[in-house]
């Protein structure tokens, strides 16, 4: 029995030594970063531990700002810092360079009209209007809307880098192109509480964004794309909530814009 255990231990040690340290670190710590975001970065944590430090009128908005800021730290600052400092990677190696920014810009311009139309259609659903904007008072007050969307940018930098930077480029030397699909799995699973169409589209979106970032060799392209997508969806939902206009045709769009400007 002892001989058998020694043999098993030896095999375990040899297997552990054969593992790529960076890949193991990335796939393990990305889970830790998500846990930290979901606990210390939660709005509940802000309400129970920090809200008393701020004026009551701003606590709701700042609870979302806290969530966005912690995502920026756990999704971007810590992961990027780990690859740069612990593994001595160059910025361009881990998706922090500009990459092929010309191609990225062209693709972004082609994508935005599709996003505008797609989010217009999705915003007609009551389940989307119930979720977007996440901070509901932003739908009725443009001041809060603009502040909320500006704070949201911290979230997108952290959210995109964690998957399209840290996991994608941090494991690329091990998985090659399969890293695109590796980063898609947790990304899509974190959409489980979203409306079903959005949850399913997150699989397609995760693969598409991963492939785009891989081709352009920079995660930055994903930030404005995802941020614009959410901004436009929030905008359409806010207008529908304000005006009560439903429908997806040109007539509905005309009625919505007319009601908005007229109001």
C-alpha atoms as a PDB file:
ATOM      1  CA  UNK A   1       0.000   0.000   0.000  1.00  0.00           C
ATOM      2  CA  UNK A   2       2.786   2.437   0.920  1.00  0.00           C
ATOM      3  CA  UNK A   3       4.598   1.649  -2.309  1.00  0.00           C
ATOM      4  CA  UNK A   4       1.401   2.308  -4.257  1.00  0.00           C
ATOM      5  CA  UNK A   5       0.858   5.647  -2.501  1.00  0.00           C
ATOM      6  CA  UNK A   6       4.452   6.690  -3.191  1.00  0.00           C
ATOM      7  CA  UNK A   7       3.953   5.856  -6.844  1.00  0.00           C
ATOM      8  CA  UNK A   8       0.735   7.874  -6.994  1.00  0.00           C
ATOM      9  CA  UNK A   9       2.415  10.805  -5.263  1.00  0.00           C
ATOM     10  CA  UNK A  10       5.315  10.698  -7.700  1.00  0.00           C
ATOM     11  CA  UNK A  11       2.906  10.727 -10.626  1.00  0.00           C
ATOM     12  CA  UNK A  12       1.015  13.630  -9.094  1.00  0.00           C
ATOM     13  CA  UNK A  13       4.203  15.656  -8.647  1.00  0.00           C
ATOM     14  CA  UNK A  14       5.332  14.920 -12.202  1.00  0.00           C
ATOM     15  CA  UNK A  15       1.921  15.897 -13.569  1.00  0.00           C
ATOM     16  CA  UNK A  16       1.963  19.139 -11.577  1.00  0.00           C
ATOM     17  CA  UNK A  17       5.452  19.975 -12.858  1.00  0.00           C
ATOM     18  CA  UNK A  18       4.316  19.439 -16.438  1.00  0.00           C
ATOM     19  CA  UNK A  19       1.603  22.071 -16.140  1.00  0.00           C
ATOM     20  CA  UNK A  20       2.143  25.556 -17.521  1.00  0.00           C
ATOM     21  CA  UNK A  21       2.214  27.864 -14.511  1.00  0.00           C
ATOM     22  CA  UNK A  22       0.729  30.874 -16.271  1.00  0.00           C
ATOM     23  CA  UNK A  23      -2.206  28.909 -17.684  1.00  0.00           C
ATOM     24  CA  UNK A  24      -2.952  27.377 -14.278  1.00  0.00           C
ATOM     25  CA  UNK A  25      -2.686  30.781 -12.623  1.00  0.00           C
ATOM     26  CA  UNK A  26      -4.999  32.455 -15.133  1.00  0.00           C
ATOM     27  CA  UNK A  27      -7.710  29.792 -15.085  1.00  0.00           C
ATOM     28  CA  UNK A  28      -7.645  29.639 -11.279  1.00  0.00           C
ATOM     29  CA  UNK A  29      -7.453  33.306 -10.420  1.00  0.00           C
ATOM     30  CA  UNK A  30     -10.119  34.370 -12.931  1.00  0.00           C
ATOM     31  CA  UNK A  31     -12.532  32.459 -10.669  1.00  0.00           C
ATOM     32  CA  UNK A  32     -11.157  34.266  -7.624  1.00  0.00           C
ATOM     33  CA  UNK A  33     -11.614  37.626  -9.339  1.00  0.00           C
ATOM     34  CA  UNK A  34     -15.248  36.825 -10.159  1.00  0.00           C
ATOM     35  CA  UNK A  35     -15.897  35.778  -6.538  1.00  0.00           C
ATOM     36  CA  UNK A  36     -14.349  39.012  -5.257  1.00  0.00           C
ATOM     37  CA  UNK A  37     -16.478  41.002  -7.685  1.00  0.00           C
ATOM     38  CA  UNK A  38     -19.659  39.199  -6.682  1.00  0.00           C
ATOM     39  CA  UNK A  39     -18.993  39.687  -2.941  1.00  0.00           C
ATOM     40  CA  UNK A  40     -16.871  42.747  -2.143  1.00  0.00           C
ATOM     41  CA  UNK A  41     -17.988  44.450  -5.341  1.00  0.00           C
ATOM     42  CA  UNK A  42     -21.683  43.789  -4.868  1.00  0.00           C
ATOM     43  CA  UNK A  43     -24.225  46.531  -4.373  1.00  0.00           C
ATOM     44  CA  UNK A  44     -25.311  44.744  -1.182  1.00  0.00           C
ATOM     45  CA  UNK A  45     -21.801  45.194   0.236  1.00  0.00           C
ATOM     46  CA  UNK A  46     -21.962  48.893  -0.643  1.00  0.00           C
ATOM     47  CA  UNK A  47     -25.383  49.311   0.987  1.00  0.00           C
ATOM     48  CA  UNK A  48     -24.381  47.559   4.217  1.00  0.00           C
ATOM     49  CA  UNK A  49     -20.797  48.779   4.586  1.00  0.00           C
ATOM     50  CA  UNK A  50     -20.355  52.046   2.702  1.00  0.00           C
ATOM     51  CA  UNK A  51     -23.655  53.757   1.935  1.00  0.00           C
ATOM     52  CA  UNK A  52     -23.752  55.739   5.201  1.00  0.00           C
ATOM     53  CA  UNK A  53     -20.730  57.704   3.980  1.00  0.00           C
ATOM     54  CA  UNK A  54     -22.746  59.318   1.199  1.00  0.00           C
ATOM     55  CA  UNK A  55     -25.835  61.502   0.841  1.00  0.00           C
ATOM     56  CA  UNK A  56     -29.015  59.448   0.695  1.00  0.00           C
ATOM     57  CA  UNK A  57     -30.095  60.795  -2.697  1.00  0.00           C
ATOM     58  CA  UNK A  58     -26.911  59.456  -4.317  1.00  0.00           C
ATOM     59  CA  UNK A  59     -26.654  56.060  -2.637  1.00  0.00           C
ATOM     60  CA  UNK A  60     -28.584  54.177  -5.289  1.00  0.00           C
ATOM     61  CA  UNK A  61     -26.455  55.484  -8.145  1.00  0.00           C
ATOM     62  CA  UNK A  62     -23.204  55.108  -6.195  1.00  0.00           C
ATOM     63  CA  UNK A  63     -24.021  51.490  -5.373  1.00  0.00           C
ATOM     64  CA  UNK A  64     -23.836  50.809  -9.108  1.00  0.00           C
ATOM     65  CA  UNK A  65     -20.721  52.967  -9.352  1.00  0.00           C
ATOM     66  CA  UNK A  66     -19.112  50.805  -6.661  1.00  0.00           C
ATOM     67  CA  UNK A  67     -19.962  47.655  -8.598  1.00  0.00           C
ATOM     68  CA  UNK A  68     -18.515  49.125 -11.791  1.00  0.00           C
ATOM     69  CA  UNK A  69     -15.321  50.326 -10.066  1.00  0.00           C
ATOM     70  CA  UNK A  70     -14.617  46.997  -8.363  1.00  0.00           C
ATOM     71  CA  UNK A  71     -15.111  45.227 -11.697  1.00  0.00           C
ATOM     72  CA  UNK A  72     -12.500  47.570 -13.145  1.00  0.00           C
ATOM     73  CA  UNK A  73     -10.054  46.584 -10.397  1.00  0.00           C
ATOM     74  CA  UNK A  74     -10.741  42.831 -10.300  1.00  0.00           C
ATOM     75  CA  UNK A  75     -11.135  42.497 -14.052  1.00  0.00           C
ATOM     76  CA  UNK A  76      -8.402  44.797 -15.314  1.00  0.00           C
ATOM     77  CA  UNK A  77      -5.984  46.205 -12.733  1.00  0.00           C
ATOM     78  CA  UNK A  78      -5.254  42.965 -10.856  1.00  0.00           C
ATOM     79  CA  UNK A  79      -5.212  40.553 -13.857  1.00  0.00           C
ATOM     80  CA  UNK A  80      -3.115  42.839 -16.053  1.00  0.00           C
ATOM     81  CA  UNK A  81      -0.799  43.616 -13.162  1.00  0.00           C
ATOM     82  CA  UNK A  82      -0.330  39.901 -12.471  1.00  0.00           C
ATOM     83  CA  UNK A  83       0.677  39.099 -16.050  1.00  0.00           C
ATOM     84  CA  UNK A  84       2.951  42.126 -16.281  1.00  0.00           C
ATOM     85  CA  UNK A  85       4.670  41.767 -12.903  1.00  0.00           C
ATOM     86  CA  UNK A  86       4.528  38.069 -12.016  1.00  0.00           C
ATOM     87  CA  UNK A  87       5.049  36.617 -15.487  1.00  0.00           C
ATOM     88  CA  UNK A  88       6.988  39.521 -17.031  1.00  0.00           C
ATOM     89  CA  UNK A  89       4.762  39.717 -20.093  1.00  0.00           C
ATOM     90  CA  UNK A  90       4.970  42.662 -22.441  1.00  0.00           C
ATOM     91  CA  UNK A  91       1.747  44.700 -22.846  1.00  0.00           C
ATOM     92  CA  UNK A  92       1.381  43.685 -26.502  1.00  0.00           C
ATOM     93  CA  UNK A  93       1.578  39.993 -25.523  1.00  0.00           C
ATOM     94  CA  UNK A  94      -1.436  40.214 -23.245  1.00  0.00           C
ATOM     95  CA  UNK A  95      -3.761  42.324 -25.373  1.00  0.00           C
ATOM     96  CA  UNK A  96      -2.900  45.743 -23.961  1.00  0.00           C
ATOM     97  CA  UNK A  97      -1.389  47.186 -27.145  1.00  0.00           C
ATOM     98  CA  UNK A  98      -3.270  48.981 -29.891  1.00  0.00           C
ATOM     99  CA  UNK A  99      -2.969  46.005 -32.236  1.00  0.00           C
ATOM    100  CA  UNK A 100      -4.525  46.384 -35.661  1.00  0.00           C
ATOM    101  CA  UNK A 101      -6.526  49.460 -34.681  1.00  0.00           C
ATOM    102  CA  UNK A 102      -7.359  50.381 -38.277  1.00  0.00           C
ATOM    103  CA  UNK A 103      -9.149  47.090 -38.901  1.00  0.00           C
ATOM    104  CA  UNK A 104     -10.793  47.353 -35.499  1.00  0.00           C
ATOM    105  CA  UNK A 105     -12.112  50.826 -36.298  1.00  0.00           C
ATOM    106  CA  UNK A 106     -13.592  49.727 -39.623  1.00  0.00           C
ATOM    107  CA  UNK A 107     -15.294  46.710 -38.062  1.00  0.00           C
ATOM    108  CA  UNK A 108     -16.657  48.858 -35.236  1.00  0.00           C
ATOM    109  CA  UNK A 109     -18.226  51.296 -37.698  1.00  0.00           C
ATOM    110  CA  UNK A 110     -19.831  48.391 -39.561  1.00  0.00           C
ATOM    111  CA  UNK A 111     -21.095  46.848 -36.330  1.00  0.00           C
ATOM    112  CA  UNK A 112     -22.726  49.912 -34.776  1.00  0.00           C
ATOM    113  CA  UNK A 113     -25.676  50.109 -37.230  1.00  0.00           C
ATOM    114  CA  UNK A 114     -26.432  46.436 -36.548  1.00  0.00           C
ATOM    115  CA  UNK A 115     -26.324  47.087 -32.807  1.00  0.00           C
ATOM    116  CA  UNK A 116     -28.613  50.086 -33.151  1.00  0.00           C
ATOM    117  CA  UNK A 117     -31.227  48.067 -35.015  1.00  0.00           C
ATOM    118  CA  UNK A 118     -30.849  44.957 -32.869  1.00  0.00           C
ATOM    119  CA  UNK A 119     -31.179  46.809 -29.563  1.00  0.00           C
ATOM    120  CA  UNK A 120     -34.172  48.729 -30.931  1.00  0.00           C
ATOM    121  CA  UNK A 121     -35.953  45.425 -31.507  1.00  0.00           C
ATOM    122  CA  UNK A 122     -34.904  43.965 -28.146  1.00  0.00           C
ATOM    123  CA  UNK A 123     -35.971  47.088 -26.260  1.00  0.00           C
ATOM    124  CA  UNK A 124     -39.591  46.428 -27.237  1.00  0.00           C
ATOM    125  CA  UNK A 125     -39.686  43.521 -24.790  1.00  0.00           C
ATOM    126  CA  UNK A 126     -40.996  44.244 -21.299  1.00  0.00           C
ATOM    127  CA  UNK A 127     -38.340  41.999 -19.738  1.00  0.00           C
ATOM    128  CA  UNK A 128     -35.631  44.197 -21.259  1.00  0.00           C
ATOM    129  CA  UNK A 129     -37.325  47.393 -20.098  1.00  0.00           C
ATOM    130  CA  UNK A 130     -37.511  45.893 -16.608  1.00  0.00           C
ATOM    131  CA  UNK A 131     -33.727  45.321 -16.595  1.00  0.00           C
ATOM    132  CA  UNK A 132     -32.313  48.252 -18.548  1.00  0.00           C
ATOM    133  CA  UNK A 133     -30.980  50.616 -17.460  1.00  0.00           C
ATOM    134  CA  UNK A 134     -30.018  48.594 -14.376  1.00  0.00           C
ATOM    135  CA  UNK A 135     -30.350  51.773 -12.326  1.00  0.00           C
ATOM    136  CA  UNK A 136     -33.984  52.487 -13.106  1.00  0.00           C
ATOM    137  CA  UNK A 137     -34.048  56.201 -12.115  1.00  0.00           C
ATOM    138  CA  UNK A 138     -31.587  56.768 -14.988  1.00  0.00           C
ATOM    139  CA  UNK A 139     -34.435  55.979 -17.392  1.00  0.00           C
ATOM    140  CA  UNK A 140     -36.338  59.031 -16.160  1.00  0.00           C
ATOM    141  CA  UNK A 141     -33.557  61.546 -15.522  1.00  0.00           C
ATOM    142  CA  UNK A 142     -30.963  62.323 -18.203  1.00  0.00           C
ATOM    143  CA  UNK A 143     -28.528  63.663 -15.597  1.00  0.00           C
ATOM    144  CA  UNK A 144     -28.485  60.323 -13.821  1.00  0.00           C
ATOM    145  CA  UNK A 145     -28.450  58.536 -17.175  1.00  0.00           C
ATOM    146  CA  UNK A 146     -25.240  60.273 -18.299  1.00  0.00           C
ATOM    147  CA  UNK A 147     -23.465  59.791 -14.958  1.00  0.00           C
ATOM    148  CA  UNK A 148     -24.520  56.154 -14.837  1.00  0.00           C
ATOM    149  CA  UNK A 149     -23.266  55.436 -18.378  1.00  0.00           C
ATOM    150  CA  UNK A 150     -19.959  57.236 -17.679  1.00  0.00           C
ATOM    151  CA  UNK A 151     -19.397  55.118 -14.557  1.00  0.00           C
ATOM    152  CA  UNK A 152     -20.299  52.031 -16.586  1.00  0.00           C
ATOM    153  CA  UNK A 153     -17.092  52.456 -18.623  1.00  0.00           C
ATOM    154  CA  UNK A 154     -15.023  51.258 -15.646  1.00  0.00           C
ATOM    155  CA  UNK A 155     -17.077  48.092 -15.664  1.00  0.00           C
ATOM    156  CA  UNK A 156     -16.552  47.433 -19.368  1.00  0.00           C
ATOM    157  CA  UNK A 157     -12.787  47.793 -19.138  1.00  0.00           C
ATOM    158  CA  UNK A 158     -12.694  45.248 -16.307  1.00  0.00           C
ATOM    159  CA  UNK A 159     -15.297  42.919 -17.798  1.00  0.00           C
ATOM    160  CA  UNK A 160     -13.701  42.804 -21.230  1.00  0.00           C
ATOM    161  CA  UNK A 161     -10.122  42.450 -20.061  1.00  0.00           C
ATOM    162  CA  UNK A 162     -10.894  39.622 -17.660  1.00  0.00           C
ATOM    163  CA  UNK A 163     -12.178  37.427 -20.509  1.00  0.00           C
ATOM    164  CA  UNK A 164     -10.865  38.908 -23.765  1.00  0.00           C
ATOM    165  CA  UNK A 165      -7.486  39.838 -22.277  1.00  0.00           C
ATOM    166  CA  UNK A 166      -6.501  37.879 -19.195  1.00  0.00           C
ATOM    167  CA  UNK A 167      -8.073  34.528 -20.086  1.00  0.00           C
ATOM    168  CA  UNK A 168      -7.747  34.787 -23.876  1.00  0.00           C
ATOM    169  CA  UNK A 169      -4.132  35.944 -24.117  1.00  0.00           C
ATOM    170  CA  UNK A 170      -3.123  34.415 -20.804  1.00  0.00           C
ATOM    171  CA  UNK A 171      -3.888  30.913 -22.080  1.00  0.00           C
ATOM    172  CA  UNK A 172      -3.266  31.410 -25.824  1.00  0.00           C
ATOM    173  CA  UNK A 173       0.196  29.826 -25.682  1.00  0.00           C
ATOM    174  CA  UNK A 174      -1.401  26.656 -24.298  1.00  0.00           C
ATOM    175  CA  UNK A 175      -4.706  26.423 -26.140  1.00  0.00           C
ATOM    176  CA  UNK A 176      -4.028  28.372 -29.323  1.00  0.00           C
ATOM    177  CA  UNK A 177      -7.275  29.293 -31.110  1.00  0.00           C
ATOM    178  CA  UNK A 178      -9.235  27.189 -28.630  1.00  0.00           C
ATOM    179  CA  UNK A 179      -8.605  29.981 -26.106  1.00  0.00           C
ATOM    180  CA  UNK A 180     -11.411  31.849 -27.881  1.00  0.00           C
ATOM    181  CA  UNK A 181     -13.865  29.175 -26.785  1.00  0.00           C
ATOM    182  CA  UNK A 182     -12.310  28.788 -23.335  1.00  0.00           C
ATOM    183  CA  UNK A 183     -13.012  32.436 -22.521  1.00  0.00           C
ATOM    184  CA  UNK A 184     -16.529  32.183 -23.953  1.00  0.00           C
ATOM    185  CA  UNK A 185     -17.683  29.564 -21.416  1.00  0.00           C
ATOM    186  CA  UNK A 186     -17.502  31.657 -18.200  1.00  0.00           C
ATOM    187  CA  UNK A 187     -18.540  34.773 -20.105  1.00  0.00           C
ATOM    188  CA  UNK A 188     -21.765  33.115 -21.281  1.00  0.00           C
ATOM    189  CA  UNK A 189     -22.467  31.447 -17.930  1.00  0.00           C
ATOM    190  CA  UNK A 190     -22.412  34.846 -16.234  1.00  0.00           C
ATOM    191  CA  UNK A 191     -25.401  35.782 -18.427  1.00  0.00           C
ATOM    192  CA  UNK A 192     -27.656  33.109 -16.901  1.00  0.00           C
ATOM    193  CA  UNK A 193     -29.803  35.670 -15.081  1.00  0.00           C
ATOM    194  CA  UNK A 194     -30.351  37.742 -18.216  1.00  0.00           C
ATOM    195  CA  UNK A 195     -33.424  37.527 -20.482  1.00  0.00           C
ATOM    196  CA  UNK A 196     -33.266  34.319 -22.542  1.00  0.00           C
ATOM    197  CA  UNK A 197     -32.520  36.015 -25.906  1.00  0.00           C
ATOM    198  CA  UNK A 198     -29.602  37.894 -24.352  1.00  0.00           C
ATOM    199  CA  UNK A 199     -28.322  34.782 -22.565  1.00  0.00           C
ATOM    200  CA  UNK A 200     -28.255  32.813 -25.821  1.00  0.00           C
ATOM    201  CA  UNK A 201     -26.742  35.704 -27.771  1.00  0.00           C
ATOM    202  CA  UNK A 202     -23.936  35.908 -25.203  1.00  0.00           C
ATOM    203  CA  UNK A 203     -22.558  32.633 -26.599  1.00  0.00           C
ATOM    204  CA  UNK A 204     -22.395  34.080 -30.096  1.00  0.00           C
ATOM    205  CA  UNK A 205     -21.132  37.392 -28.761  1.00  0.00           C
ATOM    206  CA  UNK A 206     -18.442  35.748 -26.664  1.00  0.00           C
ATOM    207  CA  UNK A 207     -17.074  33.809 -29.616  1.00  0.00           C
ATOM    208  CA  UNK A 208     -17.332  36.783 -31.991  1.00  0.00           C
ATOM    209  CA  UNK A 209     -15.652  39.234 -29.611  1.00  0.00           C
ATOM    210  CA  UNK A 210     -12.989  36.675 -28.737  1.00  0.00           C
ATOM    211  CA  UNK A 211     -12.233  36.092 -32.416  1.00  0.00           C
ATOM    212  CA  UNK A 212     -12.171  39.830 -33.110  1.00  0.00           C
ATOM    213  CA  UNK A 213      -9.782  40.528 -30.235  1.00  0.00           C
ATOM    214  CA  UNK A 214      -7.610  37.588 -31.308  1.00  0.00           C
ATOM    215  CA  UNK A 215      -7.408  38.914 -34.865  1.00  0.00           C
ATOM    216  CA  UNK A 216      -6.736  42.519 -33.820  1.00  0.00           C
ATOM    217  CA  UNK A 217      -4.361  41.436 -31.011  1.00  0.00           C
ATOM    218  CA  UNK A 218      -5.879  43.971 -28.631  1.00  0.00           C
ATOM    219  CA  UNK A 219      -8.692  43.739 -26.094  1.00  0.00           C
ATOM    220  CA  UNK A 220      -9.422  47.480 -26.370  1.00  0.00           C
ATOM    221  CA  UNK A 221     -11.630  47.005 -29.430  1.00  0.00           C
ATOM    222  CA  UNK A 222     -14.124  45.043 -27.313  1.00  0.00           C
ATOM    223  CA  UNK A 223     -14.618  47.874 -24.794  1.00  0.00           C
ATOM    224  CA  UNK A 224     -16.294  50.502 -27.040  1.00  0.00           C
ATOM    225  CA  UNK A 225     -18.265  47.787 -28.859  1.00  0.00           C
ATOM    226  CA  UNK A 226     -19.766  46.337 -25.698  1.00  0.00           C
ATOM    227  CA  UNK A 227     -20.157  49.750 -24.039  1.00  0.00           C
ATOM    228  CA  UNK A 228     -21.932  51.170 -27.102  1.00  0.00           C
ATOM    229  CA  UNK A 229     -24.188  48.135 -27.267  1.00  0.00           C
ATOM    230  CA  UNK A 230     -25.304  48.648 -23.665  1.00  0.00           C
ATOM    231  CA  UNK A 231     -25.543  52.424 -24.001  1.00  0.00           C
ATOM    232  CA  UNK A 232     -27.820  52.169 -27.035  1.00  0.00           C
ATOM    233  CA  UNK A 233     -29.980  49.484 -25.410  1.00  0.00           C
ATOM    234  CA  UNK A 234     -30.294  51.614 -22.262  1.00  0.00           C
ATOM    235  CA  UNK A 235     -31.181  54.608 -24.430  1.00  0.00           C
ATOM    236  CA  UNK A 236     -33.946  52.797 -26.333  1.00  0.00           C
ATOM    237  CA  UNK A 237     -35.374  51.268 -23.151  1.00  0.00           C
ATOM    238  CA  UNK A 238     -35.291  54.645 -21.407  1.00  0.00           C
ATOM    239  CA  UNK A 239     -37.178  56.288 -24.250  1.00  0.00           C
ATOM    240  CA  UNK A 240     -39.791  53.530 -24.275  1.00  0.00           C
ATOM    241  CA  UNK A 241     -40.225  53.793 -20.495  1.00  0.00           C
ATOM    242  CA  UNK A 242     -40.568  57.577 -20.748  1.00  0.00           C
ATOM    243  CA  UNK A 243     -42.998  57.578 -23.671  1.00  0.00           C
ATOM    244  CA  UNK A 244     -44.795  54.244 -23.393  1.00  0.00           C
ATOM    245  CA  UNK A 245     -44.334  53.653 -27.128  1.00  0.00           C
ATOM    246  CA  UNK A 246     -44.172  50.009 -28.251  1.00  0.00           C
ATOM    247  CA  UNK A 247     -43.540  48.336 -31.600  1.00  0.00           C
ATOM    248  CA  UNK A 248     -40.458  47.973 -33.796  1.00  0.00           C
ATOM    249  CA  UNK A 249     -41.514  49.490 -37.125  1.00  0.00           C
ATOM    250  CA  UNK A 250     -40.669  52.909 -38.544  1.00  0.00           C
ATOM    251  CA  UNK A 251     -44.015  54.212 -37.302  1.00  0.00           C
ATOM    252  CA  UNK A 252     -43.170  53.232 -33.738  1.00  0.00           C
ATOM    253  CA  UNK A 253     -39.757  54.878 -34.036  1.00  0.00           C
ATOM    254  CA  UNK A 254     -41.341  58.071 -35.353  1.00  0.00           C
ATOM    255  CA  UNK A 255     -43.910  58.073 -32.533  1.00  0.00           C
ATOM    256  CA  UNK A 256     -41.205  57.504 -29.928  1.00  0.00           C
ATOM    257  CA  UNK A 257     -38.988  60.314 -31.189  1.00  0.00           C
ATOM    258  CA  UNK A 258     -41.959  62.631 -31.572  1.00  0.00           C
ATOM    259  CA  UNK A 259     -43.148  61.913 -28.033  1.00  0.00           C
ATOM    260  CA  UNK A 260     -39.621  62.403 -26.698  1.00  0.00           C
ATOM    261  CA  UNK A 261     -39.005  65.746 -28.396  1.00  0.00           C
ATOM    262  CA  UNK A 262     -42.555  66.867 -27.704  1.00  0.00           C
ATOM    263  CA  UNK A 263     -42.246  65.996 -24.032  1.00  0.00           C
END
